[in-house]
């Protein structure tokens, strides 16, 4: 995921070998889901654009969950 810190737009670059069912979420530091970006098919190779323009400055958790595994990272706005 880049850039970090982010001004308004972050990109998640995926390099999985196949499409899978899953979800990508933006959460606060308490784990509360603020927005579900994808809930369904996640394309194996592609970029997902996350708009954080509606969020105030702070630290957020980005979660990607799929049958292929889980990815969690923090992003600073």
PDB file of N, CA and C in Angstrom:
ATOM      1  N   UNK A   1       0.845  -1.170   0.000  1.00  0.00           N
ATOM      2  CA  UNK A   1       0.000   0.000   0.000  1.00  0.00           C
ATOM      3  C   UNK A   1       0.887   1.229   0.000  1.00  0.00           C
ATOM      4  N   UNK A   2       0.501   2.201  -0.773  1.00  0.00           N
ATOM      5  CA  UNK A   2       1.291   3.421  -0.871  1.00  0.00           C
ATOM      6  C   UNK A   2       0.380   4.582  -1.218  1.00  0.00           C
ATOM      7  N   UNK A   3       0.742   5.811  -0.993  1.00  0.00           N
ATOM      8  CA  UNK A   3       1.828   6.260  -0.117  1.00  0.00           C
ATOM      9  C   UNK A   3       1.401   6.150   1.340  1.00  0.00           C
ATOM     10  N   UNK A   4       2.336   6.247   2.205  1.00  0.00           N
ATOM     11  CA  UNK A   4       2.057   6.255   3.631  1.00  0.00           C
ATOM     12  C   UNK A   4       3.129   7.108   4.299  1.00  0.00           C
ATOM     13  N   UNK A   5       2.787   8.287   4.781  1.00  0.00           N
ATOM     14  CA  UNK A   5       1.446   8.815   5.006  1.00  0.00           C
ATOM     15  C   UNK A   5       0.752   9.219   3.703  1.00  0.00           C
ATOM     16  N   UNK A   6      -0.572   9.318   3.806  1.00  0.00           N
ATOM     17  CA  UNK A   6      -1.409   9.623   2.653  1.00  0.00           C
ATOM     18  C   UNK A   6      -2.086  10.975   2.852  1.00  0.00           C
ATOM     19  N   UNK A   7      -2.219  11.722   1.764  1.00  0.00           N
ATOM     20  CA  UNK A   7      -2.949  12.984   1.828  1.00  0.00           C
ATOM     21  C   UNK A   7      -4.449  12.701   1.717  1.00  0.00           C
ATOM     22  N   UNK A   8      -4.880  12.134   0.609  1.00  0.00           N
ATOM     23  CA  UNK A   8      -6.295  11.805   0.401  1.00  0.00           C
ATOM     24  C   UNK A   8      -6.501  10.437  -0.243  1.00  0.00           C
ATOM     25  N   UNK A   9      -5.591  10.005  -1.097  1.00  0.00           N
ATOM     26  CA  UNK A   9      -5.759   8.769  -1.867  1.00  0.00           C
ATOM     27  C   UNK A   9      -4.614   7.805  -1.582  1.00  0.00           C
ATOM     28  N   UNK A  10      -4.953   6.562  -1.251  1.00  0.00           N
ATOM     29  CA  UNK A  10      -3.966   5.497  -1.075  1.00  0.00           C
ATOM     30  C   UNK A  10      -4.277   4.397  -2.084  1.00  0.00           C
ATOM     31  N   UNK A  11      -3.266   3.654  -2.469  1.00  0.00           N
ATOM     32  CA  UNK A  11      -3.426   2.568  -3.422  1.00  0.00           C
ATOM     33  C   UNK A  11      -2.960   1.262  -2.798  1.00  0.00           C
ATOM     34  N   UNK A  12      -3.802   0.230  -2.910  1.00  0.00           N
ATOM     35  CA  UNK A  12      -3.404  -1.114  -2.514  1.00  0.00           C
ATOM     36  C   UNK A  12      -3.080  -1.854  -3.798  1.00  0.00           C
ATOM     37  N   UNK A  13      -1.865  -2.338  -3.904  1.00  0.00           N
ATOM     38  CA  UNK A  13      -1.443  -3.069  -5.091  1.00  0.00           C
ATOM     39  C   UNK A  13      -1.438  -4.562  -4.749  1.00  0.00           C
ATOM     40  N   UNK A  14      -2.278  -5.334  -5.455  1.00  0.00           N
ATOM     41  CA  UNK A  14      -2.391  -6.761  -5.194  1.00  0.00           C
ATOM     42  C   UNK A  14      -1.649  -7.554  -6.256  1.00  0.00           C
ATOM     43  N   UNK A  15      -1.006  -8.628  -5.827  1.00  0.00           N
ATOM     44  CA  UNK A  15      -0.292  -9.491  -6.758  1.00  0.00           C
ATOM     45  C   UNK A  15      -0.577 -10.955  -6.441  1.00  0.00           C
ATOM     46  N   UNK A  16      -1.860 -11.284  -6.302  1.00  0.00           N
ATOM     47  CA  UNK A  16      -2.256 -12.671  -6.073  1.00  0.00           C
ATOM     48  C   UNK A  16      -2.359 -13.362  -7.432  1.00  0.00           C
ATOM     49  N   UNK A  17      -2.313 -14.682  -7.449  1.00  0.00           N
ATOM     50  CA  UNK A  17      -2.340 -15.414  -8.708  1.00  0.00           C
ATOM     51  C   UNK A  17      -3.746 -15.625  -9.258  1.00  0.00           C
ATOM     52  N   UNK A  18      -4.768 -15.441  -8.429  1.00  0.00           N
ATOM     53  CA  UNK A  18      -6.137 -15.654  -8.896  1.00  0.00           C
ATOM     54  C   UNK A  18      -7.109 -14.767  -8.134  1.00  0.00           C
ATOM     55  N   UNK A  19      -8.313 -14.615  -8.684  1.00  0.00           N
ATOM     56  CA  UNK A  19      -9.359 -13.862  -8.004  1.00  0.00           C
ATOM     57  C   UNK A  19      -9.863 -14.670  -6.813  1.00  0.00           C
ATOM     58  N   UNK A  20     -10.357 -13.984  -5.793  1.00  0.00           N
ATOM     59  CA  UNK A  20     -10.841 -14.660  -4.593  1.00  0.00           C
ATOM     60  C   UNK A  20     -11.964 -13.840  -3.966  1.00  0.00           C
ATOM     61  N   UNK A  21     -12.758 -14.471  -3.142  1.00  0.00           N
ATOM     62  CA  UNK A  21     -13.789 -13.769  -2.393  1.00  0.00           C
ATOM     63  C   UNK A  21     -13.169 -13.179  -1.136  1.00  0.00           C
ATOM     64  N   UNK A  22     -13.569 -11.979  -0.789  1.00  0.00           N
ATOM     65  CA  UNK A  22     -13.032 -11.353   0.407  1.00  0.00           C
ATOM     66  C   UNK A  22     -13.528  -9.942   0.564  1.00  0.00           C
ATOM     67  N   UNK A  23     -12.838  -9.189   1.408  1.00  0.00           N
ATOM     68  CA  UNK A  23     -13.224  -7.791   1.604  1.00  0.00           C
ATOM     69  C   UNK A  23     -12.019  -6.945   1.984  1.00  0.00           C
ATOM     70  N   UNK A  24     -12.150  -5.662   1.684  1.00  0.00           N
ATOM     71  CA  UNK A  24     -11.158  -4.668   2.063  1.00  0.00           C
ATOM     72  C   UNK A  24     -11.894  -3.618   2.886  1.00  0.00           C
ATOM     73  N   UNK A  25     -11.378  -3.338   4.090  1.00  0.00           N
ATOM     74  CA  UNK A  25     -12.049  -2.419   5.004  1.00  0.00           C
ATOM     75  C   UNK A  25     -11.099  -1.347   5.525  1.00  0.00           C
ATOM     76  N   UNK A  26     -11.672  -0.179   5.793  1.00  0.00           N
ATOM     77  CA  UNK A  26     -10.971   0.897   6.491  1.00  0.00           C
ATOM     78  C   UNK A  26     -11.538   0.926   7.905  1.00  0.00           C
ATOM     79  N   UNK A  27     -10.653   0.827   8.904  1.00  0.00           N
ATOM     80  CA  UNK A  27     -11.089   0.767  10.302  1.00  0.00           C
ATOM     81  C   UNK A  27     -10.385   1.840  11.123  1.00  0.00           C
ATOM     82  N   UNK A  28     -11.004   2.190  12.259  1.00  0.00           N
ATOM     83  CA  UNK A  28     -10.316   3.084  13.186  1.00  0.00           C
ATOM     84  C   UNK A  28      -9.393   2.240  14.072  1.00  0.00           C
ATOM     85  N   UNK A  29      -8.665   2.873  14.971  1.00  0.00           N
ATOM     86  CA  UNK A  29      -7.706   2.152  15.807  1.00  0.00           C
ATOM     87  C   UNK A  29      -8.362   1.218  16.814  1.00  0.00           C
ATOM     88  N   UNK A  30      -9.661   1.374  17.039  1.00  0.00           N
ATOM     89  CA  UNK A  30     -10.391   0.466  17.924  1.00  0.00           C
ATOM     90  C   UNK A  30     -10.918  -0.756  17.180  1.00  0.00           C
ATOM     91  N   UNK A  31     -10.705  -0.794  15.860  1.00  0.00           N
ATOM     92  CA  UNK A  31     -11.175  -1.918  15.056  1.00  0.00           C
ATOM     93  C   UNK A  31     -12.551  -1.731  14.463  1.00  0.00           C
ATOM     94  N   UNK A  32     -13.182  -0.584  14.729  1.00  0.00           N
ATOM     95  CA  UNK A  32     -14.513  -0.313  14.176  1.00  0.00           C
ATOM     96  C   UNK A  32     -14.398  -0.082  12.672  1.00  0.00           C
ATOM     97  N   UNK A  33     -15.209  -0.795  11.894  1.00  0.00           N
ATOM     98  CA  UNK A  33     -15.186  -0.650  10.442  1.00  0.00           C
ATOM     99  C   UNK A  33     -15.852   0.673  10.069  1.00  0.00           C
ATOM    100  N   UNK A  34     -15.080   1.541   9.408  1.00  0.00           N
ATOM    101  CA  UNK A  34     -15.596   2.832   8.964  1.00  0.00           C
ATOM    102  C   UNK A  34     -16.166   2.744   7.559  1.00  0.00           C
ATOM    103  N   UNK A  35     -15.559   1.879   6.736  1.00  0.00           N
ATOM    104  CA  UNK A  35     -16.016   1.729   5.361  1.00  0.00           C
ATOM    105  C   UNK A  35     -15.549   0.391   4.813  1.00  0.00           C
ATOM    106  N   UNK A  36     -16.418  -0.288   4.105  1.00  0.00           N
ATOM    107  CA  UNK A  36     -16.039  -1.493   3.375  1.00  0.00           C
ATOM    108  C   UNK A  36     -15.863  -1.095   1.925  1.00  0.00           C
ATOM    109  N   UNK A  37     -14.640  -1.208   1.429  1.00  0.00           N
ATOM    110  CA  UNK A  37     -14.307  -0.781   0.072  1.00  0.00           C
ATOM    111  C   UNK A  37     -14.703  -1.857  -0.929  1.00  0.00           C
ATOM    112  N   UNK A  38     -14.420  -3.115  -0.605  1.00  0.00           N
ATOM    113  CA  UNK A  38     -14.778  -4.253  -1.454  1.00  0.00           C
ATOM    114  C   UNK A  38     -15.391  -5.308  -0.551  1.00  0.00           C
ATOM    115  N   UNK A  39     -16.510  -5.894  -0.983  1.00  0.00           N
ATOM    116  CA  UNK A  39     -17.113  -7.018  -0.281  1.00  0.00           C
ATOM    117  C   UNK A  39     -17.616  -7.967  -1.351  1.00  0.00           C
ATOM    118  N   UNK A  40     -16.770  -8.883  -1.778  1.00  0.00           N
ATOM    119  CA  UNK A  40     -17.094  -9.789  -2.876  1.00  0.00           C
ATOM    120  C   UNK A  40     -15.821 -10.248  -3.534  1.00  0.00           C
ATOM    121  N   UNK A  41     -15.806 -10.200  -4.854  1.00  0.00           N
ATOM    122  CA  UNK A  41     -14.645 -10.691  -5.589  1.00  0.00           C
ATOM    123  C   UNK A  41     -13.510  -9.674  -5.555  1.00  0.00           C
ATOM    124  N   UNK A  42     -12.359 -10.138  -5.104  1.00  0.00           N
ATOM    125  CA  UNK A  42     -11.145  -9.324  -5.131  1.00  0.00           C
ATOM    126  C   UNK A  42     -10.313  -9.828  -6.295  1.00  0.00           C
ATOM    127  N   UNK A  43     -10.047  -8.952  -7.241  1.00  0.00           N
ATOM    128  CA  UNK A  43      -9.252  -9.338  -8.398  1.00  0.00           C
ATOM    129  C   UNK A  43      -7.827  -9.638  -7.958  1.00  0.00           C
ATOM    130  N   UNK A  44      -7.282 -10.754  -8.439  1.00  0.00           N
ATOM    131  CA  UNK A  44      -5.968 -11.208  -8.018  1.00  0.00           C
ATOM    132  C   UNK A  44      -4.857 -10.228  -8.293  1.00  0.00           C
ATOM    133  N   UNK A  45      -4.896  -9.609  -9.438  1.00  0.00           N
ATOM    134  CA  UNK A  45      -3.843  -8.664  -9.790  1.00  0.00           C
ATOM    135  C   UNK A  45      -4.499  -7.352 -10.162  1.00  0.00           C
ATOM    136  N   UNK A  46      -4.325  -6.365  -9.333  1.00  0.00           N
ATOM    137  CA  UNK A  46      -4.943  -5.082  -9.622  1.00  0.00           C
ATOM    138  C   UNK A  46      -4.659  -4.083  -8.534  1.00  0.00           C
ATOM    139  N   UNK A  47      -5.087  -2.874  -8.756  1.00  0.00           N
ATOM    140  CA  UNK A  47      -4.927  -1.803  -7.793  1.00  0.00           C
ATOM    141  C   UNK A  47      -6.291  -1.379  -7.276  1.00  0.00           C
ATOM    142  N   UNK A  48      -6.395  -1.188  -5.979  1.00  0.00           N
ATOM    143  CA  UNK A  48      -7.606  -0.658  -5.379  1.00  0.00           C
ATOM    144  C   UNK A  48      -7.283   0.712  -4.819  1.00  0.00           C
ATOM    145  N   UNK A  49      -8.090   1.685  -5.181  1.00  0.00           N
ATOM    146  CA  UNK A  49      -7.909   3.064  -4.742  1.00  0.00           C
ATOM    147  C   UNK A  49      -8.768   3.299  -3.503  1.00  0.00           C
ATOM    148  N   UNK A  50      -8.139   3.769  -2.442  1.00  0.00           N
ATOM    149  CA  UNK A  50      -8.843   4.097  -1.212  1.00  0.00           C
ATOM    150  C   UNK A  50      -8.867   5.598  -1.037  1.00  0.00           C
ATOM    151  N   UNK A  51     -10.046   6.161  -0.975  1.00  0.00           N
ATOM    152  CA  UNK A  51     -10.165   7.592  -0.729  1.00  0.00           C
ATOM    153  C   UNK A  51     -10.310   7.821   0.772  1.00  0.00           C
ATOM    154  N   UNK A  52      -9.384   8.558   1.317  1.00  0.00           N
ATOM    155  CA  UNK A  52      -9.441   8.929   2.732  1.00  0.00           C
ATOM    156  C   UNK A  52      -9.746  10.410   2.895  1.00  0.00           C
ATOM    157  N   UNK A  53     -10.242  11.030   1.835  1.00  0.00           N
ATOM    158  CA  UNK A  53     -10.488  12.471   1.855  1.00  0.00           C
ATOM    159  C   UNK A  53     -11.585  12.863   2.845  1.00  0.00           C
ATOM    160  N   UNK A  54     -12.506  11.946   3.161  1.00  0.00           N
ATOM    161  CA  UNK A  54     -13.588  12.250   4.102  1.00  0.00           C
ATOM    162  C   UNK A  54     -13.195  12.039   5.561  1.00  0.00           C
ATOM    163  N   UNK A  55     -11.965  11.577   5.788  1.00  0.00           N
ATOM    164  CA  UNK A  55     -11.519  11.264   7.143  1.00  0.00           C
ATOM    165  C   UNK A  55     -10.576  12.338   7.663  1.00  0.00           C
ATOM    166  N   UNK A  56     -10.639  12.560   8.973  1.00  0.00           N
ATOM    167  CA  UNK A  56      -9.755  13.545   9.585  1.00  0.00           C
ATOM    168  C   UNK A  56      -8.351  12.964   9.717  1.00  0.00           C
ATOM    169  N   UNK A  57      -7.396  13.823  10.027  1.00  0.00           N
ATOM    170  CA  UNK A  57      -6.012  13.372  10.218  1.00  0.00           C
ATOM    171  C   UNK A  57      -5.964  12.359  11.351  1.00  0.00           C
ATOM    172  N   UNK A  58      -5.146  11.341  11.165  1.00  0.00           N
ATOM    173  CA  UNK A  58      -5.016  10.315  12.192  1.00  0.00           C
ATOM    174  C   UNK A  58      -4.452   9.043  11.609  1.00  0.00           C
ATOM    175  N   UNK A  59      -4.562   7.967  12.380  1.00  0.00           N
ATOM    176  CA  UNK A  59      -4.065   6.664  11.959  1.00  0.00           C
ATOM    177  C   UNK A  59      -5.258   5.744  11.756  1.00  0.00           C
ATOM    178  N   UNK A  60      -5.254   5.009  10.657  1.00  0.00           N
ATOM    179  CA  UNK A  60      -6.327   4.091  10.308  1.00  0.00           C
ATOM    180  C   UNK A  60      -5.742   2.721  10.010  1.00  0.00           C
ATOM    181  N   UNK A  61      -6.565   1.691  10.162  1.00  0.00           N
ATOM    182  CA  UNK A  61      -6.162   0.324   9.876  1.00  0.00           C
ATOM    183  C   UNK A  61      -6.852  -0.102   8.583  1.00  0.00           C
ATOM    184  N   UNK A  62      -6.079  -0.661   7.672  1.00  0.00           N
ATOM    185  CA  UNK A  62      -6.622  -1.204   6.432  1.00  0.00           C
ATOM    186  C   UNK A  62      -6.545  -2.719   6.545  1.00  0.00           C
ATOM    187  N   UNK A  63      -7.695  -3.388   6.365  1.00  0.00           N
ATOM    188  CA  UNK A  63      -7.757  -4.846   6.471  1.00  0.00           C
ATOM    189  C   UNK A  63      -8.181  -5.444   5.135  1.00  0.00           C
ATOM    190  N   UNK A  64      -7.456  -6.429   4.689  1.00  0.00           N
ATOM    191  CA  UNK A  64      -7.825  -7.213   3.522  1.00  0.00           C
ATOM    192  C   UNK A  64      -7.974  -8.647   4.008  1.00  0.00           C
ATOM    193  N   UNK A  65      -9.160  -9.207   3.840  1.00  0.00           N
ATOM    194  CA  UNK A  65      -9.432 -10.585   4.263  1.00  0.00           C
ATOM    195  C   UNK A  65      -9.901 -11.371   3.057  1.00  0.00           C
ATOM    196  N   UNK A  66      -9.292 -12.542   2.845  1.00  0.00           N
ATOM    197  CA  UNK A  66      -9.708 -13.399   1.739  1.00  0.00           C
ATOM    198  C   UNK A  66      -9.366 -14.835   2.058  1.00  0.00           C
ATOM    199  N   UNK A  67      -9.777 -15.733   1.175  1.00  0.00           N
ATOM    200  CA  UNK A  67      -9.456 -17.150   1.343  1.00  0.00           C
ATOM    201  C   UNK A  67      -7.947 -17.377   1.254  1.00  0.00           C
ATOM    202  N   UNK A  68      -7.238 -16.458   0.607  1.00  0.00           N
ATOM    203  CA  UNK A  68      -5.784 -16.576   0.464  1.00  0.00           C
ATOM    204  C   UNK A  68      -5.028 -16.086   1.692  1.00  0.00           C
ATOM    205  N   UNK A  69      -5.725 -15.474   2.643  1.00  0.00           N
ATOM    206  CA  UNK A  69      -5.069 -14.977   3.844  1.00  0.00           C
ATOM    207  C   UNK A  69      -5.545 -13.590   4.200  1.00  0.00           C
ATOM    208  N   UNK A  70      -4.906 -13.014   5.200  1.00  0.00           N
ATOM    209  CA  UNK A  70      -5.277 -11.691   5.687  1.00  0.00           C
ATOM    210  C   UNK A  70      -4.073 -10.770   5.630  1.00  0.00           C
ATOM    211  N   UNK A  71      -4.359  -9.496   5.384  1.00  0.00           N
ATOM    212  CA  UNK A  71      -3.334  -8.470   5.359  1.00  0.00           C
ATOM    213  C   UNK A  71      -3.862  -7.307   6.168  1.00  0.00           C
ATOM    214  N   UNK A  72      -3.082  -6.831   7.120  1.00  0.00           N
ATOM    215  CA  UNK A  72      -3.479  -5.694   7.949  1.00  0.00           C
ATOM    216  C   UNK A  72      -2.305  -4.723   7.992  1.00  0.00           C
ATOM    217  N   UNK A  73      -2.600  -3.446   7.772  1.00  0.00           N
ATOM    218  CA  UNK A  73      -1.570  -2.424   7.861  1.00  0.00           C
ATOM    219  C   UNK A  73      -2.175  -1.140   8.412  1.00  0.00           C
ATOM    220  N   UNK A  74      -1.322  -0.294   8.939  1.00  0.00           N
ATOM    221  CA  UNK A  74      -1.752   1.012   9.418  1.00  0.00           C
ATOM    222  C   UNK A  74      -1.360   2.058   8.389  1.00  0.00           C
ATOM    223  N   UNK A  75      -2.215   3.062   8.240  1.00  0.00           N
ATOM    224  CA  UNK A  75      -1.932   4.177   7.353  1.00  0.00           C
ATOM    225  C   UNK A  75      -2.174   5.460   8.129  1.00  0.00           C
ATOM    226  N   UNK A  76      -1.296   6.420   7.919  1.00  0.00           N
ATOM    227  CA  UNK A  76      -1.406   7.727   8.574  1.00  0.00           C
ATOM    228  C   UNK A  76      -1.904   8.741   7.565  1.00  0.00           C
ATOM    229  N   UNK A  77      -2.889   9.522   7.985  1.00  0.00           N
ATOM    230  CA  UNK A  77      -3.390  10.599   7.139  1.00  0.00           C
ATOM    231  C   UNK A  77      -3.042  11.907   7.802  1.00  0.00           C
TER     232      UNK A  77
END
